[in-house]
Amino acid sequence: VIRIDRLESANLGLPRDPKTDLLMR
């Protein structure tokens, strides 16, 4: 499964830590 995210969702330079967004594993 590949997820197409909106371009504005990619926080370039300031990546967040998504490890607890478990539904996106």
mmCIF file of all heavy atoms, coordinates in Angstrom:
data_MODEL
# 
_entry.id   MODEL 
# 
loop_
_atom_site.group_PDB 
_atom_site.id 
_atom_site.type_symbol 
_atom_site.label_atom_id 
_atom_site.label_alt_id 
_atom_site.label_comp_id 
_atom_site.label_asym_id 
_atom_site.label_entity_id 
_atom_site.label_seq_id 
_atom_site.pdbx_PDB_ins_code 
_atom_site.Cartn_x 
_atom_site.Cartn_y 
_atom_site.Cartn_z 
_atom_site.occupancy 
_atom_site.B_iso_or_equiv 
_atom_site.pdbx_formal_charge 
_atom_site.auth_seq_id 
_atom_site.auth_comp_id 
_atom_site.auth_asym_id 
_atom_site.auth_atom_id 
_atom_site.pdbx_PDB_model_num 
ATOM 1   N N   . VAL A 1 1  ? 0.855  -1.186 0.000  1.00 0.00 ? 1  VAL A N   1 
ATOM 2   C CA  . VAL A 1 1  ? 0.000  0.000  0.000  1.00 0.00 ? 1  VAL A CA  1 
ATOM 3   C C   . VAL A 1 1  ? 0.888  1.232  0.000  1.00 0.00 ? 1  VAL A C   1 
ATOM 4   O O   . VAL A 1 1  ? 1.719  1.402  0.901  1.00 0.00 ? 1  VAL A O   1 
ATOM 5   C CB  . VAL A 1 1  ? -0.936 0.022  1.226  1.00 0.00 ? 1  VAL A CB  1 
ATOM 6   C CG1 . VAL A 1 1  ? -1.857 1.243  1.166  1.00 0.00 ? 1  VAL A CG1 1 
ATOM 7   C CG2 . VAL A 1 1  ? -1.774 -1.257 1.300  1.00 0.00 ? 1  VAL A CG2 1 
ATOM 8   N N   . ILE A 1 2  ? 0.732  2.078  -1.013 1.00 0.00 ? 2  ILE A N   1 
ATOM 9   C CA  . ILE A 1 2  ? 1.444  3.348  -1.010 1.00 0.00 ? 2  ILE A CA  1 
ATOM 10  C C   . ILE A 1 2  ? 0.427  4.462  -0.777 1.00 0.00 ? 2  ILE A C   1 
ATOM 11  O O   . ILE A 1 2  ? -0.653 4.459  -1.337 1.00 0.00 ? 2  ILE A O   1 
ATOM 12  C CB  . ILE A 1 2  ? 2.219  3.592  -2.326 1.00 0.00 ? 2  ILE A CB  1 
ATOM 13  C CG1 . ILE A 1 2  ? 1.290  3.607  -3.528 1.00 0.00 ? 2  ILE A CG1 1 
ATOM 14  C CG2 . ILE A 1 2  ? 3.328  2.559  -2.487 1.00 0.00 ? 2  ILE A CG2 1 
ATOM 15  C CD1 . ILE A 1 2  ? 1.941  4.135  -4.789 1.00 0.00 ? 2  ILE A CD1 1 
ATOM 16  N N   . ARG A 1 3  ? 0.789  5.384  0.096  1.00 0.00 ? 3  ARG A N   1 
ATOM 17  C CA  . ARG A 1 3  ? -0.112 6.487  0.430  1.00 0.00 ? 3  ARG A CA  1 
ATOM 18  C C   . ARG A 1 3  ? 0.284  7.738  -0.345 1.00 0.00 ? 3  ARG A C   1 
ATOM 19  O O   . ARG A 1 3  ? 1.443  8.164  -0.294 1.00 0.00 ? 3  ARG A O   1 
ATOM 20  C CB  . ARG A 1 3  ? -0.058 6.766  1.927  1.00 0.00 ? 3  ARG A CB  1 
ATOM 21  C CG  . ARG A 1 3  ? -1.103 7.771  2.397  1.00 0.00 ? 3  ARG A CG  1 
ATOM 22  C CD  . ARG A 1 3  ? -1.131 7.922  3.911  1.00 0.00 ? 3  ARG A CD  1 
ATOM 23  N NE  . ARG A 1 3  ? 0.007  8.671  4.418  1.00 0.00 ? 3  ARG A NE  1 
ATOM 24  C CZ  . ARG A 1 3  ? 0.999  8.135  5.112  1.00 0.00 ? 3  ARG A CZ  1 
ATOM 25  N NH1 . ARG A 1 3  ? 0.985  6.842  5.391  1.00 0.00 ? 3  ARG A NH1 1 
ATOM 26  N NH2 . ARG A 1 3  ? 2.007  8.875  5.547  1.00 0.00 ? 3  ARG A NH2 1 
ATOM 27  N N   . ILE A 1 4  ? -0.667 8.303  -1.087 1.00 0.00 ? 4  ILE A N   1 
ATOM 28  C CA  . ILE A 1 4  ? -0.431 9.576  -1.750 1.00 0.00 ? 4  ILE A CA  1 
ATOM 29  C C   . ILE A 1 4  ? -0.829 10.690 -0.801 1.00 0.00 ? 4  ILE A C   1 
ATOM 30  O O   . ILE A 1 4  ? -2.009 10.900 -0.514 1.00 0.00 ? 4  ILE A O   1 
ATOM 31  C CB  . ILE A 1 4  ? -1.210 9.685  -3.072 1.00 0.00 ? 4  ILE A CB  1 
ATOM 32  C CG1 . ILE A 1 4  ? -0.720 8.635  -4.079 1.00 0.00 ? 4  ILE A CG1 1 
ATOM 33  C CG2 . ILE A 1 4  ? -1.078 11.090 -3.655 1.00 0.00 ? 4  ILE A CG2 1 
ATOM 34  C CD1 . ILE A 1 4  ? -1.434 8.679  -5.417 1.00 0.00 ? 4  ILE A CD1 1 
ATOM 35  N N   . ASP A 1 5  ? 0.169  11.401 -0.273 1.00 0.00 ? 5  ASP A N   1 
ATOM 36  C CA  . ASP A 1 5  ? -0.063 12.546 0.594  1.00 0.00 ? 5  ASP A CA  1 
ATOM 37  C C   . ASP A 1 5  ? -0.041 13.822 -0.230 1.00 0.00 ? 5  ASP A C   1 
ATOM 38  O O   . ASP A 1 5  ? 0.637  13.906 -1.264 1.00 0.00 ? 5  ASP A O   1 
ATOM 39  C CB  . ASP A 1 5  ? 1.021  12.623 1.677  1.00 0.00 ? 5  ASP A CB  1 
ATOM 40  C CG  . ASP A 1 5  ? 0.747  11.690 2.838  1.00 0.00 ? 5  ASP A CG  1 
ATOM 41  O OD1 . ASP A 1 5  ? -0.246 11.914 3.542  1.00 0.00 ? 5  ASP A OD1 1 
ATOM 42  O OD2 . ASP A 1 5  ? 1.535  10.744 3.043  1.00 0.00 ? 5  ASP A OD2 1 
ATOM 43  N N   . ARG A 1 6  ? -0.788 14.820 0.229  1.00 0.00 ? 6  ARG A N   1 
ATOM 44  C CA  . ARG A 1 6  ? -0.721 16.131 -0.411 1.00 0.00 ? 6  ARG A CA  1 
ATOM 45  C C   . ARG A 1 6  ? 0.676  16.700 -0.227 1.00 0.00 ? 6  ARG A C   1 
ATOM 46  O O   . ARG A 1 6  ? 1.325  16.477 0.806  1.00 0.00 ? 6  ARG A O   1 
ATOM 47  C CB  . ARG A 1 6  ? -1.761 17.081 0.193  1.00 0.00 ? 6  ARG A CB  1 
ATOM 48  C CG  . ARG A 1 6  ? -3.204 16.628 0.020  1.00 0.00 ? 6  ARG A CG  1 
ATOM 49  C CD  . ARG A 1 6  ? -3.626 16.638 -1.432 1.00 0.00 ? 6  ARG A CD  1 
ATOM 50  N NE  . ARG A 1 6  ? -5.039 16.324 -1.582 1.00 0.00 ? 6  ARG A NE  1 
ATOM 51  C CZ  . ARG A 1 6  ? -5.989 17.240 -1.743 1.00 0.00 ? 6  ARG A CZ  1 
ATOM 52  N NH1 . ARG A 1 6  ? -5.690 18.527 -1.738 1.00 0.00 ? 6  ARG A NH1 1 
ATOM 53  N NH2 . ARG A 1 6  ? -7.258 16.856 -1.907 1.00 0.00 ? 6  ARG A NH2 1 
ATOM 54  N N   . LEU A 1 7  ? 1.122  17.475 -1.199 1.00 0.00 ? 7  LEU A N   1 
ATOM 55  C CA  . LEU A 1 7  ? 2.464  18.044 -1.144 1.00 0.00 ? 7  LEU A CA  1 
ATOM 56  C C   . LEU A 1 7  ? 2.673  18.870 0.122  1.00 0.00 ? 7  LEU A C   1 
ATOM 57  O O   . LEU A 1 7  ? 3.719  18.819 0.762  1.00 0.00 ? 7  LEU A O   1 
ATOM 58  C CB  . LEU A 1 7  ? 2.710  18.922 -2.377 1.00 0.00 ? 7  LEU A CB  1 
ATOM 59  C CG  . LEU A 1 7  ? 4.159  19.317 -2.636 1.00 0.00 ? 7  LEU A CG  1 
ATOM 60  C CD1 . LEU A 1 7  ? 4.976  18.128 -3.091 1.00 0.00 ? 7  LEU A CD1 1 
ATOM 61  C CD2 . LEU A 1 7  ? 4.228  20.434 -3.674 1.00 0.00 ? 7  LEU A CD2 1 
ATOM 62  N N   . GLU A 1 8  ? 1.633  19.617 0.513  1.00 0.00 ? 8  GLU A N   1 
ATOM 63  C CA  . GLU A 1 8  ? 1.771  20.489 1.686  1.00 0.00 ? 8  GLU A CA  1 
ATOM 64  C C   . GLU A 1 8  ? 1.883  19.699 2.983  1.00 0.00 ? 8  GLU A C   1 
ATOM 65  O O   . GLU A 1 8  ? 2.230  20.269 4.031  1.00 0.00 ? 8  GLU A O   1 
ATOM 66  C CB  . GLU A 1 8  ? 0.585  21.459 1.769  1.00 0.00 ? 8  GLU A CB  1 
ATOM 67  C CG  . GLU A 1 8  ? -0.781 20.809 1.731  1.00 0.00 ? 8  GLU A CG  1 
ATOM 68  C CD  . GLU A 1 8  ? -1.359 20.713 0.324  1.00 0.00 ? 8  GLU A CD  1 
ATOM 69  O OE1 . GLU A 1 8  ? -0.556 20.618 -0.635 1.00 0.00 ? 8  GLU A OE1 1 
ATOM 70  O OE2 . GLU A 1 8  ? -2.583 20.735 0.198  1.00 0.00 ? 8  GLU A OE2 1 
ATOM 71  N N   . SER A 1 9  ? 1.605  18.401 2.955  1.00 0.00 ? 9  SER A N   1 
ATOM 72  C CA  . SER A 1 9  ? 1.726  17.576 4.160  1.00 0.00 ? 9  SER A CA  1 
ATOM 73  C C   . SER A 1 9  ? 3.168  17.203 4.470  1.00 0.00 ? 9  SER A C   1 
ATOM 74  O O   . SER A 1 9  ? 3.488  16.801 5.579  1.00 0.00 ? 9  SER A O   1 
ATOM 75  C CB  . SER A 1 9  ? 0.908  16.288 4.000  1.00 0.00 ? 9  SER A CB  1 
ATOM 76  O OG  . SER A 1 9  ? -0.465 16.579 3.840  1.00 0.00 ? 9  SER A OG  1 
ATOM 77  N N   . ALA A 1 10 ? 4.026  17.311 3.466  1.00 0.00 ? 10 ALA A N   1 
ATOM 78  C CA  . ALA A 1 10 ? 5.433  16.966 3.677  1.00 0.00 ? 10 ALA A CA  1 
ATOM 79  C C   . ALA A 1 10 ? 6.148  18.152 4.319  1.00 0.00 ? 10 ALA A C   1 
ATOM 80  O O   . ALA A 1 10 ? 6.419  19.152 3.675  1.00 0.00 ? 10 ALA A O   1 
ATOM 81  C CB  . ALA A 1 10 ? 6.080  16.609 2.346  1.00 0.00 ? 10 ALA A CB  1 
ATOM 82  N N   . ASN A 1 11 ? 6.440  18.054 5.582  1.00 0.00 ? 11 ASN A N   1 
ATOM 83  C CA  . ASN A 1 11 ? 7.088  19.139 6.327  1.00 0.00 ? 11 ASN A CA  1 
ATOM 84  C C   . ASN A 1 11 ? 8.589  19.121 6.076  1.00 0.00 ? 11 ASN A C   1 
ATOM 85  O O   . ASN A 1 11 ? 9.374  18.635 6.885  1.00 0.00 ? 11 ASN A O   1 
ATOM 86  C CB  . ASN A 1 11 ? 6.794  19.014 7.823  1.00 0.00 ? 11 ASN A CB  1 
ATOM 87  C CG  . ASN A 1 11 ? 5.315  19.158 8.109  1.00 0.00 ? 11 ASN A CG  1 
ATOM 88  O OD1 . ASN A 1 11 ? 4.645  20.010 7.536  1.00 0.00 ? 11 ASN A OD1 1 
ATOM 89  N ND2 . ASN A 1 11 ? 4.804  18.325 8.999  1.00 0.00 ? 11 ASN A ND2 1 
ATOM 90  N N   . LEU A 1 12 ? 8.985  19.600 4.941  1.00 0.00 ? 12 LEU A N   1 
ATOM 91  C CA  . LEU A 1 12 ? 10.390 19.542 4.562  1.00 0.00 ? 12 LEU A CA  1 
ATOM 92  C C   . LEU A 1 12 ? 11.239 20.362 5.523  1.00 0.00 ? 12 LEU A C   1 
ATOM 93  O O   . LEU A 1 12 ? 10.932 21.510 5.820  1.00 0.00 ? 12 LEU A O   1 
ATOM 94  C CB  . LEU A 1 12 ? 10.564 20.056 3.141  1.00 0.00 ? 12 LEU A CB  1 
ATOM 95  C CG  . LEU A 1 12 ? 9.728  19.316 2.075  1.00 0.00 ? 12 LEU A CG  1 
ATOM 96  C CD1 . LEU A 1 12 ? 10.002 19.899 0.713  1.00 0.00 ? 12 LEU A CD1 1 
ATOM 97  C CD2 . LEU A 1 12 ? 10.039 17.838 2.101  1.00 0.00 ? 12 LEU A CD2 1 
ATOM 98  N N   . GLY A 1 13 ? 12.330 19.766 5.999  1.00 0.00 ? 13 GLY A N   1 
ATOM 99  C CA  . GLY A 1 13 ? 13.233 20.456 6.906  1.00 0.00 ? 13 GLY A CA  1 
ATOM 100 C C   . GLY A 1 13 ? 12.851 20.326 8.363  1.00 0.00 ? 13 GLY A C   1 
ATOM 101 O O   . GLY A 1 13 ? 13.681 20.464 9.236  1.00 0.00 ? 13 GLY A O   1 
ATOM 102 N N   . LEU A 1 14 ? 11.578 20.086 8.646  1.00 0.00 ? 14 LEU A N   1 
ATOM 103 C CA  . LEU A 1 14 ? 11.117 19.954 10.029 1.00 0.00 ? 14 LEU A CA  1 
ATOM 104 C C   . LEU A 1 14 ? 10.283 18.687 10.166 1.00 0.00 ? 14 LEU A C   1 
ATOM 105 O O   . LEU A 1 14 ? 9.091  18.737 10.459 1.00 0.00 ? 14 LEU A O   1 
ATOM 106 C CB  . LEU A 1 14 ? 10.296 21.183 10.442 1.00 0.00 ? 14 LEU A CB  1 
ATOM 107 C CG  . LEU A 1 14 ? 11.066 22.497 10.571 1.00 0.00 ? 14 LEU A CG  1 
ATOM 108 C CD1 . LEU A 1 14 ? 10.075 23.654 10.774 1.00 0.00 ? 14 LEU A CD1 1 
ATOM 109 C CD2 . LEU A 1 14 ? 12.050 22.428 11.736 1.00 0.00 ? 14 LEU A CD2 1 
ATOM 110 N N   . PRO A 1 15 ? 10.875 17.528 9.906  1.00 0.00 ? 15 PRO A N   1 
ATOM 111 C CA  . PRO A 1 15 ? 10.103 16.292 9.966  1.00 0.00 ? 15 PRO A CA  1 
ATOM 112 C C   . PRO A 1 15 ? 9.608  16.002 11.370 1.00 0.00 ? 15 PRO A C   1 
ATOM 113 O O   . PRO A 1 15 ? 10.335 16.152 12.343 1.00 0.00 ? 15 PRO A O   1 
ATOM 114 C CB  . PRO A 1 15 ? 11.102 15.222 9.513  1.00 0.00 ? 15 PRO A CB  1 
ATOM 115 C CG  . PRO A 1 15 ? 12.446 15.815 9.808  1.00 0.00 ? 15 PRO A CG  1 
ATOM 116 C CD  . PRO A 1 15 ? 12.296 17.296 9.614  1.00 0.00 ? 15 PRO A CD  1 
ATOM 117 N N   . ARG A 1 16 ? 8.348  15.632 11.484 1.00 0.00 ? 16 ARG A N   1 
ATOM 118 C CA  . ARG A 1 16 ? 7.800  15.274 12.780 1.00 0.00 ? 16 ARG A CA  1 
ATOM 119 C C   . ARG A 1 16 ? 8.061  13.796 13.030 1.00 0.00 ? 16 ARG A C   1 
ATOM 120 O O   . ARG A 1 16 ? 8.375  13.044 12.111 1.00 0.00 ? 16 ARG A O   1 
ATOM 121 C CB  . ARG A 1 16 ? 6.294  15.553 12.816 1.00 0.00 ? 16 ARG A CB  1 
ATOM 122 C CG  . ARG A 1 16 ? 5.497  14.764 11.802 1.00 0.00 ? 16 ARG A CG  1 
ATOM 123 C CD  . ARG A 1 16 ? 4.042  15.156 11.778 1.00 0.00 ? 16 ARG A CD  1 
ATOM 124 N NE  . ARG A 1 16 ? 3.305  14.430 10.761 1.00 0.00 ? 16 ARG A NE  1 
ATOM 125 C CZ  . ARG A 1 16 ? 2.812  13.217 10.927 1.00 0.00 ? 16 ARG A CZ  1 
ATOM 126 N NH1 . ARG A 1 16 ? 2.984  12.592 12.075 1.00 0.00 ? 16 ARG A NH1 1 
ATOM 127 N NH2 . ARG A 1 16 ? 2.153  12.614 9.955  1.00 0.00 ? 16 ARG A NH2 1 
ATOM 128 N N   . ASP A 1 17 ? 7.923  13.360 14.256 1.00 0.00 ? 17 ASP A N   1 
ATOM 129 C CA  . ASP A 1 17 ? 8.104  11.951 14.603 1.00 0.00 ? 17 ASP A CA  1 
ATOM 130 C C   . ASP A 1 17 ? 6.723  11.288 14.570 1.00 0.00 ? 17 ASP A C   1 
ATOM 131 O O   . ASP A 1 17 ? 5.884  11.539 15.423 1.00 0.00 ? 17 ASP A O   1 
ATOM 132 C CB  . ASP A 1 17 ? 8.710  11.836 15.997 1.00 0.00 ? 17 ASP A CB  1 
ATOM 133 C CG  . ASP A 1 17 ? 9.032  10.402 16.362 1.00 0.00 ? 17 ASP A CG  1 
ATOM 134 O OD1 . ASP A 1 17 ? 8.658  9.501  15.581 1.00 0.00 ? 17 ASP A OD1 1 
ATOM 135 O OD2 . ASP A 1 17 ? 9.650  10.173 17.400 1.00 0.00 ? 17 ASP A OD2 1 
ATOM 136 N N   . PRO A 1 18 ? 6.484  10.441 13.560 1.00 0.00 ? 18 PRO A N   1 
ATOM 137 C CA  . PRO A 1 18 ? 5.140  9.875  13.399 1.00 0.00 ? 18 PRO A CA  1 
ATOM 138 C C   . PRO A 1 18 ? 4.929  8.530  14.085 1.00 0.00 ? 18 PRO A C   1 
ATOM 139 O O   . PRO A 1 18 ? 3.917  7.878  13.854 1.00 0.00 ? 18 PRO A O   1 
ATOM 140 C CB  . PRO A 1 18 ? 5.060  9.687  11.879 1.00 0.00 ? 18 PRO A CB  1 
ATOM 141 C CG  . PRO A 1 18 ? 6.456  9.297  11.514 1.00 0.00 ? 18 PRO A CG  1 
ATOM 142 C CD  . PRO A 1 18 ? 7.374  10.036 12.484 1.00 0.00 ? 18 PRO A CD  1 
ATOM 143 N N   . LYS A 1 19 ? 5.853  8.115  14.963 1.00 0.00 ? 19 LYS A N   1 
ATOM 144 C CA  . LYS A 1 19 ? 5.849  6.724  15.417 1.00 0.00 ? 19 LYS A CA  1 
ATOM 145 C C   . LYS A 1 19 ? 4.595  6.323  16.183 1.00 0.00 ? 19 LYS A C   1 
ATOM 146 O O   . LYS A 1 19 ? 4.299  5.131  16.297 1.00 0.00 ? 19 LYS A O   1 
ATOM 147 C CB  . LYS A 1 19 ? 7.092  6.427  16.246 1.00 0.00 ? 19 LYS A CB  1 
ATOM 148 C CG  . LYS A 1 19 ? 7.170  7.141  17.598 1.00 0.00 ? 19 LYS A CG  1 
ATOM 149 C CD  . LYS A 1 19 ? 8.453  6.769  18.319 1.00 0.00 ? 19 LYS A CD  1 
ATOM 150 C CE  . LYS A 1 19 ? 8.546  7.416  19.685 1.00 0.00 ? 19 LYS A CE  1 
ATOM 151 N NZ  . LYS A 1 19 ? 9.799  7.057  20.390 1.00 0.00 ? 19 LYS A NZ  1 
ATOM 152 N N   . THR A 1 20 ? 3.853  7.297  16.726 1.00 0.00 ? 20 THR A N   1 
ATOM 153 C CA  . THR A 1 20 ? 2.615  6.940  17.440 1.00 0.00 ? 20 THR A CA  1 
ATOM 154 C C   . THR A 1 20 ? 1.373  7.057  16.559 1.00 0.00 ? 20 THR A C   1 
ATOM 155 O O   . THR A 1 20 ? 0.272  6.781  17.025 1.00 0.00 ? 20 THR A O   1 
ATOM 156 C CB  . THR A 1 20 ? 2.434  7.828  18.686 1.00 0.00 ? 20 THR A CB  1 
ATOM 157 O OG1 . THR A 1 20 ? 2.398  9.204  18.293 1.00 0.00 ? 20 THR A OG1 1 
ATOM 158 C CG2 . THR A 1 20 ? 3.552  7.613  19.675 1.00 0.00 ? 20 THR A CG2 1 
ATOM 159 N N   . ASP A 1 21 ? 1.531  7.456  15.296 1.00 0.00 ? 21 ASP A N   1 
ATOM 160 C CA  . ASP A 1 21 ? 0.393  7.461  14.361 1.00 0.00 ? 21 ASP A CA  1 
ATOM 161 C C   . ASP A 1 21 ? 0.209  6.045  13.831 1.00 0.00 ? 21 ASP A C   1 
ATOM 162 O O   . ASP A 1 21 ? 0.461  5.744  12.666 1.00 0.00 ? 21 ASP A O   1 
ATOM 163 C CB  . ASP A 1 21 ? 0.649  8.436  13.205 1.00 0.00 ? 21 ASP A CB  1 
ATOM 164 C CG  . ASP A 1 21 ? 0.692  9.878  13.658 1.00 0.00 ? 21 ASP A CG  1 
ATOM 165 O OD1 . ASP A 1 21 ? 0.102  10.173 14.723 1.00 0.00 ? 21 ASP A OD1 1 
ATOM 166 O OD2 . ASP A 1 21 ? 1.296  10.703 12.959 1.00 0.00 ? 21 ASP A OD2 1 
ATOM 167 N N   . LEU A 1 22 ? -0.233 5.160  14.699 1.00 0.00 ? 22 LEU A N   1 
ATOM 168 C CA  . LEU A 1 22 ? -0.181 3.726  14.416 1.00 0.00 ? 22 LEU A CA  1 
ATOM 169 C C   . LEU A 1 22 ? -1.002 3.311  13.209 1.00 0.00 ? 22 LEU A C   1 
ATOM 170 O O   . LEU A 1 22 ? -0.687 2.317  12.545 1.00 0.00 ? 22 LEU A O   1 
ATOM 171 C CB  . LEU A 1 22 ? -0.636 2.942  15.652 1.00 0.00 ? 22 LEU A CB  1 
ATOM 172 C CG  . LEU A 1 22 ? 0.223  3.144  16.904 1.00 0.00 ? 22 LEU A CG  1 
ATOM 173 C CD1 . LEU A 1 22 ? -0.296 2.296  18.055 1.00 0.00 ? 22 LEU A CD1 1 
ATOM 174 C CD2 . LEU A 1 22 ? 1.689  2.833  16.622 1.00 0.00 ? 22 LEU A CD2 1 
ATOM 175 N N   . LEU A 1 23 ? -2.064 4.039  12.903 1.00 0.00 ? 23 LEU A N   1 
ATOM 176 C CA  . LEU A 1 23 ? -2.884 3.671  11.749 1.00 0.00 ? 23 LEU A CA  1 
ATOM 177 C C   . LEU A 1 23 ? -2.131 3.861  10.428 1.00 0.00 ? 23 LEU A C   1 
ATOM 178 O O   . LEU A 1 23 ? -2.593 3.404  9.379  1.00 0.00 ? 23 LEU A O   1 
ATOM 179 C CB  . LEU A 1 23 ? -4.176 4.482  11.719 1.00 0.00 ? 23 LEU A CB  1 
ATOM 180 C CG  . LEU A 1 23 ? -5.177 4.219  12.846 1.00 0.00 ? 23 LEU A CG  1 
ATOM 181 C CD1 . LEU A 1 23 ? -6.430 5.056  12.647 1.00 0.00 ? 23 LEU A CD1 1 
ATOM 182 C CD2 . LEU A 1 23 ? -5.542 2.741  12.927 1.00 0.00 ? 23 LEU A CD2 1 
ATOM 183 N N   . MET A 1 24 ? -0.968 4.513  10.463 1.00 0.00 ? 24 MET A N   1 
ATOM 184 C CA  . MET A 1 24 ? -0.193 4.743  9.245  1.00 0.00 ? 24 MET A CA  1 
ATOM 185 C C   . MET A 1 24 ? 0.975  3.764  9.103  1.00 0.00 ? 24 MET A C   1 
ATOM 186 O O   . MET A 1 24 ? 1.846  3.947  8.252  1.00 0.00 ? 24 MET A O   1 
ATOM 187 C CB  . MET A 1 24 ? 0.308  6.187  9.199  1.00 0.00 ? 24 MET A CB  1 
ATOM 188 C CG  . MET A 1 24 ? -0.816 7.194  9.096  1.00 0.00 ? 24 MET A CG  1 
ATOM 189 S SD  . MET A 1 24 ? -0.312 8.844  8.548  1.00 0.00 ? 24 MET A SD  1 
ATOM 190 C CE  . MET A 1 24 ? 0.766  9.337  9.891  1.00 0.00 ? 24 MET A CE  1 
ATOM 191 N N   . ARG A 1 25 ? 0.986  2.711  9.911  1.00 0.00 ? 25 ARG A N   1 
ATOM 192 C CA  . ARG A 1 25 ? 2.092  1.768  9.855  1.00 0.00 ? 25 ARG A CA  1 
ATOM 193 C C   . ARG A 1 25 ? 2.012  0.892  8.592  1.00 0.00 ? 25 ARG A C   1 
ATOM 194 O O   . ARG A 1 25 ? 1.006  0.841  7.896  1.00 0.00 ? 25 ARG A O   1 
ATOM 195 C CB  . ARG A 1 25 ? 2.103  0.877  11.110 1.00 0.00 ? 25 ARG A CB  1 
ATOM 196 C CG  . ARG A 1 25 ? 1.016  -0.179 11.136 1.00 0.00 ? 25 ARG A CG  1 
ATOM 197 C CD  . ARG A 1 25 ? 0.926  -0.853 12.479 1.00 0.00 ? 25 ARG A CD  1 
ATOM 198 N NE  . ARG A 1 25 ? 0.037  -2.016 12.446 1.00 0.00 ? 25 ARG A NE  1 
ATOM 199 C CZ  . ARG A 1 25 ? -0.385 -2.654 13.529 1.00 0.00 ? 25 ARG A CZ  1 
ATOM 200 N NH1 . ARG A 1 25 ? 0.003  -2.255 14.743 1.00 0.00 ? 25 ARG A NH1 1 
ATOM 201 N NH2 . ARG A 1 25 ? -1.178 -3.713 13.414 1.00 0.00 ? 25 ARG A NH2 1 
# 
